[in-house]
């Protein structure tokens, strides 16, 4: 790797670190390339990472490394106080690359299908009126759901929005999906599972509704209106986001830092 780009949070500290990184790596013979970088450094927190990842998601072989200056840095390997260590590691070490599988959401309409991708989760939500969903798993009927919405997360995303829903945090190395209701309605007329469901990564979840009006589809920090959507199909895909690690960071330690 010798082409790099930096994506920084819009605060003074992060912007200052961005300038230092560009200067130091350029002096070491690296080339800044904002169009086709091989290494992307994100400076901020997990929100900055998600922004950077979606910006460069089309680059199959680009890898990410993060410096934490924000409030939540689950995806980062270095703190702002370790900037010199980070730069020296990048210059002097090969690093170990690993991929995080992406969630694919096929948005099916009468005039065709659009696919969007998520690192953490997809959510379908309607805060204006009750959402009525028919949920299928591998083309087999699973349940009729009524409520605010549904969340499907990856292993990586189990610590994000899913955690705020009281979903299970999934250990690293387990390539699983988690389906979780968002404020479901449960009484004598309406029944659904009501608890998180852990699924293997080969499952395909389908959601249909007689009326998606005023509902939105969220995928990570992105969103779209789905008034005219016929069906949503959610699955894991072969596409991955790559991270490069220059040192070992305990998953449990990063997990403890969340609370």
C-alpha atoms as a PDB file:
ATOM      1  CA  UNK A   1       0.000   0.000   0.000  1.00  0.00           C
ATOM      2  CA  UNK A   2       1.340   3.448  -0.866  1.00  0.00           C
ATOM      3  CA  UNK A   3      -1.761   5.394  -1.878  1.00  0.00           C
ATOM      4  CA  UNK A   4      -3.817   6.795   0.974  1.00  0.00           C
ATOM      5  CA  UNK A   5      -6.712   9.060   1.819  1.00  0.00           C
ATOM      6  CA  UNK A   6      -7.853  10.595   5.106  1.00  0.00           C
ATOM      7  CA  UNK A   7     -11.484  11.107   6.144  1.00  0.00           C
ATOM      8  CA  UNK A   8     -11.753  13.262   9.260  1.00  0.00           C
ATOM      9  CA  UNK A   9     -14.532  14.426  11.517  1.00  0.00           C
ATOM     10  CA  UNK A  10     -15.275  18.147  11.135  1.00  0.00           C
ATOM     11  CA  UNK A  11     -13.855  19.258  14.468  1.00  0.00           C
ATOM     12  CA  UNK A  12     -10.586  21.141  15.014  1.00  0.00           C
ATOM     13  CA  UNK A  13      -8.763  18.251  16.683  1.00  0.00           C
ATOM     14  CA  UNK A  14      -9.594  15.756  13.938  1.00  0.00           C
ATOM     15  CA  UNK A  15      -8.757  18.207  11.153  1.00  0.00           C
ATOM     16  CA  UNK A  16      -5.405  18.952  12.768  1.00  0.00           C
ATOM     17  CA  UNK A  17      -4.625  15.231  12.975  1.00  0.00           C
ATOM     18  CA  UNK A  18      -5.630  14.858   9.309  1.00  0.00           C
ATOM     19  CA  UNK A  19      -3.086  17.519   8.321  1.00  0.00           C
ATOM     20  CA  UNK A  20      -0.335  15.810  10.349  1.00  0.00           C
ATOM     21  CA  UNK A  21      -1.084  12.413   8.777  1.00  0.00           C
ATOM     22  CA  UNK A  22      -0.976  13.810   5.238  1.00  0.00           C
ATOM     23  CA  UNK A  23       2.300  15.614   5.915  1.00  0.00           C
ATOM     24  CA  UNK A  24       4.014  12.668   7.609  1.00  0.00           C
ATOM     25  CA  UNK A  25       2.944   9.998   5.122  1.00  0.00           C
ATOM     26  CA  UNK A  26       3.779  12.207   2.152  1.00  0.00           C
ATOM     27  CA  UNK A  27       7.249  12.812   3.591  1.00  0.00           C
ATOM     28  CA  UNK A  28       7.636   9.026   3.917  1.00  0.00           C
ATOM     29  CA  UNK A  29       6.980   8.565   0.204  1.00  0.00           C
ATOM     30  CA  UNK A  30       3.263   7.800   0.283  1.00  0.00           C
ATOM     31  CA  UNK A  31       0.904   9.351  -2.254  1.00  0.00           C
ATOM     32  CA  UNK A  32      -2.363  10.994  -1.265  1.00  0.00           C
ATOM     33  CA  UNK A  33      -5.111   9.764  -3.597  1.00  0.00           C
ATOM     34  CA  UNK A  34      -8.683  10.689  -2.690  1.00  0.00           C
ATOM     35  CA  UNK A  35     -10.189   8.824  -5.658  1.00  0.00           C
ATOM     36  CA  UNK A  36      -8.572   5.371  -5.502  1.00  0.00           C
ATOM     37  CA  UNK A  37      -6.704   5.007  -2.205  1.00  0.00           C
ATOM     38  CA  UNK A  38      -5.392   1.662  -1.033  1.00  0.00           C
ATOM     39  CA  UNK A  39      -5.402   2.732   2.624  1.00  0.00           C
ATOM     40  CA  UNK A  40      -8.107   4.943   4.136  1.00  0.00           C
ATOM     41  CA  UNK A  41      -7.457   6.505   7.530  1.00  0.00           C
ATOM     42  CA  UNK A  42     -10.556   7.717   9.322  1.00  0.00           C
ATOM     43  CA  UNK A  43     -10.138  10.214  12.141  1.00  0.00           C
ATOM     44  CA  UNK A  44     -13.078  10.581  14.524  1.00  0.00           C
ATOM     45  CA  UNK A  45     -15.379   7.824  15.716  1.00  0.00           C
ATOM     46  CA  UNK A  46     -17.665   5.151  14.384  1.00  0.00           C
ATOM     47  CA  UNK A  47     -19.834   7.710  12.614  1.00  0.00           C
ATOM     48  CA  UNK A  48     -16.803   8.923  10.694  1.00  0.00           C
ATOM     49  CA  UNK A  49     -15.950   5.337   9.804  1.00  0.00           C
ATOM     50  CA  UNK A  50     -19.441   4.647   8.445  1.00  0.00           C
ATOM     51  CA  UNK A  51     -19.269   7.801   6.327  1.00  0.00           C
ATOM     52  CA  UNK A  52     -15.835   6.823   4.984  1.00  0.00           C
ATOM     53  CA  UNK A  53     -16.849   3.211   4.382  1.00  0.00           C
ATOM     54  CA  UNK A  54     -19.897   4.167   2.316  1.00  0.00           C
ATOM     55  CA  UNK A  55     -17.838   6.722   0.393  1.00  0.00           C
ATOM     56  CA  UNK A  56     -15.242   4.128  -0.603  1.00  0.00           C
ATOM     57  CA  UNK A  57     -17.390   0.985  -0.568  1.00  0.00           C
ATOM     58  CA  UNK A  58     -16.938   0.593  -4.323  1.00  0.00           C
ATOM     59  CA  UNK A  59     -13.172   0.043  -3.885  1.00  0.00           C
ATOM     60  CA  UNK A  60     -12.847  -3.691  -3.396  1.00  0.00           C
ATOM     61  CA  UNK A  61      -9.233  -3.776  -2.159  1.00  0.00           C
ATOM     62  CA  UNK A  62      -9.068  -0.597  -0.057  1.00  0.00           C
ATOM     63  CA  UNK A  63      -8.507  -1.124   3.683  1.00  0.00           C
ATOM     64  CA  UNK A  64      -9.384   1.054   6.684  1.00  0.00           C
ATOM     65  CA  UNK A  65      -7.565   2.013   9.868  1.00  0.00           C
ATOM     66  CA  UNK A  66      -8.977   4.402  12.473  1.00  0.00           C
ATOM     67  CA  UNK A  67      -7.808   6.995  14.985  1.00  0.00           C
ATOM     68  CA  UNK A  68     -10.336   7.752  17.719  1.00  0.00           C
ATOM     69  CA  UNK A  69     -11.121  11.388  18.501  1.00  0.00           C
ATOM     70  CA  UNK A  70     -14.893  11.035  18.907  1.00  0.00           C
ATOM     71  CA  UNK A  71     -17.258   9.675  21.562  1.00  0.00           C
ATOM     72  CA  UNK A  72     -17.461   6.095  20.255  1.00  0.00           C
ATOM     73  CA  UNK A  73     -14.536   4.350  18.590  1.00  0.00           C
ATOM     74  CA  UNK A  74     -15.413   0.671  18.375  1.00  0.00           C
ATOM     75  CA  UNK A  75     -13.909   0.375  14.877  1.00  0.00           C
ATOM     76  CA  UNK A  76     -10.730   2.308  15.683  1.00  0.00           C
ATOM     77  CA  UNK A  77      -7.341   0.829  16.659  1.00  0.00           C
ATOM     78  CA  UNK A  78      -5.614   4.000  17.889  1.00  0.00           C
ATOM     79  CA  UNK A  79      -6.460   6.953  20.094  1.00  0.00           C
ATOM     80  CA  UNK A  80      -5.496  10.527  19.246  1.00  0.00           C
ATOM     81  CA  UNK A  81      -2.656  10.246  21.780  1.00  0.00           C
ATOM     82  CA  UNK A  82      -1.232   7.347  19.751  1.00  0.00           C
ATOM     83  CA  UNK A  83      -0.963   9.251  16.484  1.00  0.00           C
ATOM     84  CA  UNK A  84       2.840   8.884  16.255  1.00  0.00           C
ATOM     85  CA  UNK A  85       2.573   5.139  16.911  1.00  0.00           C
ATOM     86  CA  UNK A  86      -0.102   4.803  14.237  1.00  0.00           C
ATOM     87  CA  UNK A  87       1.953   6.617  11.605  1.00  0.00           C
ATOM     88  CA  UNK A  88       5.100   4.625  12.421  1.00  0.00           C
ATOM     89  CA  UNK A  89       3.146   1.368  12.259  1.00  0.00           C
ATOM     90  CA  UNK A  90       1.767   2.284   8.830  1.00  0.00           C
ATOM     91  CA  UNK A  91       5.196   3.244   7.490  1.00  0.00           C
ATOM     92  CA  UNK A  92       7.163   0.343   8.981  1.00  0.00           C
ATOM     93  CA  UNK A  93       4.759  -2.596   9.246  1.00  0.00           C
ATOM     94  CA  UNK A  94       2.901  -4.730   6.729  1.00  0.00           C
ATOM     95  CA  UNK A  95      -0.257  -5.071   8.807  1.00  0.00           C
ATOM     96  CA  UNK A  96      -2.835  -7.849   8.807  1.00  0.00           C
ATOM     97  CA  UNK A  97      -5.993  -7.407   6.751  1.00  0.00           C
ATOM     98  CA  UNK A  98      -9.373  -8.927   7.530  1.00  0.00           C
ATOM     99  CA  UNK A  99     -12.787  -8.423   6.017  1.00  0.00           C
ATOM    100  CA  UNK A 100     -16.177  -7.669   7.559  1.00  0.00           C
ATOM    101  CA  UNK A 101     -19.099  -9.063   5.490  1.00  0.00           C
ATOM    102  CA  UNK A 102     -21.732  -6.572   4.401  1.00  0.00           C
ATOM    103  CA  UNK A 103     -25.489  -6.788   4.664  1.00  0.00           C
ATOM    104  CA  UNK A 104     -27.285  -6.432   1.326  1.00  0.00           C
ATOM    105  CA  UNK A 105     -30.817  -5.101   1.067  1.00  0.00           C
ATOM    106  CA  UNK A 106     -32.618  -5.652  -2.233  1.00  0.00           C
ATOM    107  CA  UNK A 107     -35.275  -2.962  -2.595  1.00  0.00           C
ATOM    108  CA  UNK A 108     -37.830  -4.436  -5.006  1.00  0.00           C
ATOM    109  CA  UNK A 109     -40.196  -2.162  -6.948  1.00  0.00           C
ATOM    110  CA  UNK A 110     -42.432  -2.648  -9.966  1.00  0.00           C
ATOM    111  CA  UNK A 111     -39.835  -1.039 -12.224  1.00  0.00           C
ATOM    112  CA  UNK A 112     -36.813  -2.954 -10.934  1.00  0.00           C
ATOM    113  CA  UNK A 113     -34.570  -3.747  -7.976  1.00  0.00           C
ATOM    114  CA  UNK A 114     -32.026  -1.519  -6.236  1.00  0.00           C
ATOM    115  CA  UNK A 115     -29.453  -2.993  -3.858  1.00  0.00           C
ATOM    116  CA  UNK A 116     -27.989  -1.062  -0.922  1.00  0.00           C
ATOM    117  CA  UNK A 117     -25.374  -2.235   1.578  1.00  0.00           C
ATOM    118  CA  UNK A 118     -24.829  -1.859   5.315  1.00  0.00           C
ATOM    119  CA  UNK A 119     -21.987  -2.591   7.700  1.00  0.00           C
ATOM    120  CA  UNK A 120     -23.972  -2.402  10.928  1.00  0.00           C
ATOM    121  CA  UNK A 121     -27.664  -2.834  10.223  1.00  0.00           C
ATOM    122  CA  UNK A 122     -30.720  -2.137   8.146  1.00  0.00           C
ATOM    123  CA  UNK A 123     -33.901  -0.830   9.730  1.00  0.00           C
ATOM    124  CA  UNK A 124     -37.363  -0.351   8.390  1.00  0.00           C
ATOM    125  CA  UNK A 125     -39.251   2.159  10.529  1.00  0.00           C
ATOM    126  CA  UNK A 126     -42.502   4.090  10.509  1.00  0.00           C
ATOM    127  CA  UNK A 127     -43.045   6.608  13.298  1.00  0.00           C
ATOM    128  CA  UNK A 128     -46.199   8.059  11.721  1.00  0.00           C
ATOM    129  CA  UNK A 129     -48.409   4.993  11.500  1.00  0.00           C
ATOM    130  CA  UNK A 130     -48.262   1.342  12.530  1.00  0.00           C
ATOM    131  CA  UNK A 131     -46.196  -0.812  10.221  1.00  0.00           C
ATOM    132  CA  UNK A 132     -47.761  -4.115   9.197  1.00  0.00           C
ATOM    133  CA  UNK A 133     -45.167  -6.599   7.924  1.00  0.00           C
ATOM    134  CA  UNK A 134     -45.262 -10.136   6.618  1.00  0.00           C
ATOM    135  CA  UNK A 135     -41.882 -11.633   7.475  1.00  0.00           C
ATOM    136  CA  UNK A 136     -40.547 -14.596   5.499  1.00  0.00           C
ATOM    137  CA  UNK A 137     -37.288 -16.487   6.088  1.00  0.00           C
ATOM    138  CA  UNK A 138     -35.923 -18.483   3.142  1.00  0.00           C
ATOM    139  CA  UNK A 139     -39.337 -18.103   1.433  1.00  0.00           C
ATOM    140  CA  UNK A 140     -41.073 -19.719   4.404  1.00  0.00           C
ATOM    141  CA  UNK A 141     -43.642 -17.711   6.366  1.00  0.00           C
ATOM    142  CA  UNK A 142     -42.301 -16.699   9.772  1.00  0.00           C
ATOM    143  CA  UNK A 143     -44.671 -14.122  11.274  1.00  0.00           C
ATOM    144  CA  UNK A 144     -46.981 -11.173  10.829  1.00  0.00           C
ATOM    145  CA  UNK A 145     -45.568  -8.201  12.698  1.00  0.00           C
ATOM    146  CA  UNK A 146     -47.185  -4.931  13.738  1.00  0.00           C
ATOM    147  CA  UNK A 147     -45.314  -2.057  15.349  1.00  0.00           C
ATOM    148  CA  UNK A 148     -42.755   0.659  14.644  1.00  0.00           C
ATOM    149  CA  UNK A 149     -40.315  -1.420  12.642  1.00  0.00           C
ATOM    150  CA  UNK A 150     -37.688  -4.120  12.312  1.00  0.00           C
ATOM    151  CA  UNK A 151     -33.905  -4.174  12.594  1.00  0.00           C
ATOM    152  CA  UNK A 152     -31.545  -6.696  10.992  1.00  0.00           C
ATOM    153  CA  UNK A 153     -27.934  -6.410  12.089  1.00  0.00           C
ATOM    154  CA  UNK A 154     -24.616  -8.068  11.342  1.00  0.00           C
ATOM    155  CA  UNK A 155     -22.110  -9.322  13.900  1.00  0.00           C
ATOM    156  CA  UNK A 156     -20.242  -6.009  13.593  1.00  0.00           C
ATOM    157  CA  UNK A 157     -23.486  -4.080  14.018  1.00  0.00           C
ATOM    158  CA  UNK A 158     -24.653  -6.037  17.052  1.00  0.00           C
ATOM    159  CA  UNK A 159     -22.950  -3.418  19.266  1.00  0.00           C
ATOM    160  CA  UNK A 160     -24.676  -0.490  17.522  1.00  0.00           C
ATOM    161  CA  UNK A 161     -28.421   0.226  17.144  1.00  0.00           C
ATOM    162  CA  UNK A 162     -29.194  -3.404  17.968  1.00  0.00           C
ATOM    163  CA  UNK A 163     -27.604  -2.980  21.394  1.00  0.00           C
ATOM    164  CA  UNK A 164     -29.884  -0.022  22.156  1.00  0.00           C
ATOM    165  CA  UNK A 165     -32.831  -2.338  21.396  1.00  0.00           C
ATOM    166  CA  UNK A 166     -31.470  -4.767  24.042  1.00  0.00           C
ATOM    167  CA  UNK A 167     -30.402  -7.204  21.356  1.00  0.00           C
ATOM    168  CA  UNK A 168     -27.578  -9.680  21.872  1.00  0.00           C
ATOM    169  CA  UNK A 169     -23.963  -8.628  21.257  1.00  0.00           C
ATOM    170  CA  UNK A 170     -22.382 -11.243  18.971  1.00  0.00           C
ATOM    171  CA  UNK A 171     -18.776 -12.257  19.539  1.00  0.00           C
ATOM    172  CA  UNK A 172     -16.231 -11.606  16.788  1.00  0.00           C
ATOM    173  CA  UNK A 173     -15.637 -14.434  14.336  1.00  0.00           C
ATOM    174  CA  UNK A 174     -19.324 -15.438  14.290  1.00  0.00           C
ATOM    175  CA  UNK A 175     -20.840 -14.516  10.940  1.00  0.00           C
ATOM    176  CA  UNK A 176     -24.488 -14.260  11.976  1.00  0.00           C
ATOM    177  CA  UNK A 177     -27.597 -12.164  11.417  1.00  0.00           C
ATOM    178  CA  UNK A 178     -29.907 -10.857  14.131  1.00  0.00           C
ATOM    179  CA  UNK A 179     -33.560  -9.958  13.559  1.00  0.00           C
ATOM    180  CA  UNK A 180     -35.101  -7.690  16.183  1.00  0.00           C
ATOM    181  CA  UNK A 181     -38.436  -5.904  16.540  1.00  0.00           C
ATOM    182  CA  UNK A 182     -38.603  -2.164  17.173  1.00  0.00           C
ATOM    183  CA  UNK A 183     -41.507  -1.443  19.554  1.00  0.00           C
ATOM    184  CA  UNK A 184     -43.728  -4.317  18.526  1.00  0.00           C
ATOM    185  CA  UNK A 185     -47.440  -4.437  19.373  1.00  0.00           C
ATOM    186  CA  UNK A 186     -48.382  -7.570  21.337  1.00  0.00           C
ATOM    187  CA  UNK A 187     -51.889  -8.339  22.588  1.00  0.00           C
ATOM    188  CA  UNK A 188     -54.701 -10.834  22.008  1.00  0.00           C
ATOM    189  CA  UNK A 189     -55.041  -9.968  18.306  1.00  0.00           C
ATOM    190  CA  UNK A 190     -51.416  -9.484  17.307  1.00  0.00           C
ATOM    191  CA  UNK A 191     -48.679 -11.993  17.956  1.00  0.00           C
ATOM    192  CA  UNK A 192     -45.023 -12.016  16.910  1.00  0.00           C
ATOM    193  CA  UNK A 193     -41.843 -13.494  18.370  1.00  0.00           C
ATOM    194  CA  UNK A 194     -41.107 -10.434  20.513  1.00  0.00           C
ATOM    195  CA  UNK A 195     -37.440 -11.300  21.175  1.00  0.00           C
ATOM    196  CA  UNK A 196     -34.281 -11.180  19.032  1.00  0.00           C
ATOM    197  CA  UNK A 197     -33.750 -14.049  16.600  1.00  0.00           C
ATOM    198  CA  UNK A 198     -30.183 -15.123  15.756  1.00  0.00           C
ATOM    199  CA  UNK A 199     -29.861 -16.548  12.238  1.00  0.00           C
ATOM    200  CA  UNK A 200     -27.053 -18.164  10.300  1.00  0.00           C
ATOM    201  CA  UNK A 201     -25.513 -16.072   7.535  1.00  0.00           C
ATOM    202  CA  UNK A 202     -27.116 -18.118   4.729  1.00  0.00           C
ATOM    203  CA  UNK A 203     -30.651 -17.064   5.639  1.00  0.00           C
ATOM    204  CA  UNK A 204     -32.596 -14.629   3.453  1.00  0.00           C
ATOM    205  CA  UNK A 205     -35.166 -12.451   5.216  1.00  0.00           C
ATOM    206  CA  UNK A 206     -38.052 -11.007   3.231  1.00  0.00           C
ATOM    207  CA  UNK A 207     -40.414  -8.258   4.384  1.00  0.00           C
ATOM    208  CA  UNK A 208     -43.637  -7.282   2.609  1.00  0.00           C
ATOM    209  CA  UNK A 209     -46.406  -4.866   3.533  1.00  0.00           C
ATOM    210  CA  UNK A 210     -49.742  -3.869   2.072  1.00  0.00           C
ATOM    211  CA  UNK A 211     -48.662  -0.267   2.656  1.00  0.00           C
ATOM    212  CA  UNK A 212     -45.121   1.048   3.105  1.00  0.00           C
ATOM    213  CA  UNK A 213     -46.367   4.654   2.958  1.00  0.00           C
ATOM    214  CA  UNK A 214     -44.419   7.021   5.271  1.00  0.00           C
ATOM    215  CA  UNK A 215     -41.986   4.214   6.197  1.00  0.00           C
ATOM    216  CA  UNK A 216     -38.253   4.666   5.684  1.00  0.00           C
ATOM    217  CA  UNK A 217     -35.441   2.228   5.087  1.00  0.00           C
ATOM    218  CA  UNK A 218     -32.289   3.031   7.064  1.00  0.00           C
ATOM    219  CA  UNK A 219     -28.980   1.366   6.257  1.00  0.00           C
ATOM    220  CA  UNK A 220     -26.262   2.486   8.649  1.00  0.00           C
ATOM    221  CA  UNK A 221     -26.445   6.313   8.581  1.00  0.00           C
ATOM    222  CA  UNK A 222     -28.149   6.430   5.180  1.00  0.00           C
ATOM    223  CA  UNK A 223     -31.888   6.296   4.498  1.00  0.00           C
ATOM    224  CA  UNK A 224     -34.483   6.266   1.733  1.00  0.00           C
ATOM    225  CA  UNK A 225     -38.256   6.510   1.441  1.00  0.00           C
ATOM    226  CA  UNK A 226     -39.966   3.272   0.412  1.00  0.00           C
ATOM    227  CA  UNK A 227     -43.551   4.324  -0.341  1.00  0.00           C
ATOM    228  CA  UNK A 228     -43.567   2.440  -3.674  1.00  0.00           C
ATOM    229  CA  UNK A 229     -41.620  -0.645  -2.558  1.00  0.00           C
ATOM    230  CA  UNK A 230     -43.140  -4.104  -2.976  1.00  0.00           C
ATOM    231  CA  UNK A 231     -40.660  -6.144  -0.975  1.00  0.00           C
ATOM    232  CA  UNK A 232     -37.354  -5.952   0.899  1.00  0.00           C
ATOM    233  CA  UNK A 233     -34.937  -8.883   0.833  1.00  0.00           C
ATOM    234  CA  UNK A 234     -32.087  -8.895   3.351  1.00  0.00           C
ATOM    235  CA  UNK A 235     -29.069 -11.191   3.206  1.00  0.00           C
ATOM    236  CA  UNK A 236     -25.344 -11.344   3.843  1.00  0.00           C
ATOM    237  CA  UNK A 237     -23.226 -10.968   0.731  1.00  0.00           C
ATOM    238  CA  UNK A 238     -19.706 -11.753  -0.425  1.00  0.00           C
ATOM    239  CA  UNK A 239     -18.842  -8.053  -0.543  1.00  0.00           C
ATOM    240  CA  UNK A 240     -16.677  -6.990   2.430  1.00  0.00           C
ATOM    241  CA  UNK A 241     -15.186  -3.944   4.091  1.00  0.00           C
ATOM    242  CA  UNK A 242     -11.486  -4.471   4.804  1.00  0.00           C
ATOM    243  CA  UNK A 243      -9.618  -3.399   7.924  1.00  0.00           C
ATOM    244  CA  UNK A 244      -5.855  -3.460   8.302  1.00  0.00           C
ATOM    245  CA  UNK A 245      -4.492  -4.084  11.805  1.00  0.00           C
ATOM    246  CA  UNK A 246      -0.907  -3.259  12.700  1.00  0.00           C
ATOM    247  CA  UNK A 247      -1.304  -4.535  16.258  1.00  0.00           C
ATOM    248  CA  UNK A 248      -3.592  -6.830  18.193  1.00  0.00           C
ATOM    249  CA  UNK A 249      -6.612  -5.254  19.868  1.00  0.00           C
ATOM    250  CA  UNK A 250      -8.779  -7.368  22.138  1.00  0.00           C
ATOM    251  CA  UNK A 251     -12.431  -7.527  21.087  1.00  0.00           C
ATOM    252  CA  UNK A 252     -13.444  -7.731  24.746  1.00  0.00           C
ATOM    253  CA  UNK A 253     -11.435  -4.609  25.548  1.00  0.00           C
ATOM    254  CA  UNK A 254     -13.163  -2.705  22.743  1.00  0.00           C
ATOM    255  CA  UNK A 255     -16.465  -4.027  24.022  1.00  0.00           C
ATOM    256  CA  UNK A 256     -15.740  -2.827  27.552  1.00  0.00           C
ATOM    257  CA  UNK A 257     -15.008   0.638  26.184  1.00  0.00           C
ATOM    258  CA  UNK A 258     -18.653   0.863  25.068  1.00  0.00           C
ATOM    259  CA  UNK A 259     -19.804   1.087  28.681  1.00  0.00           C
END
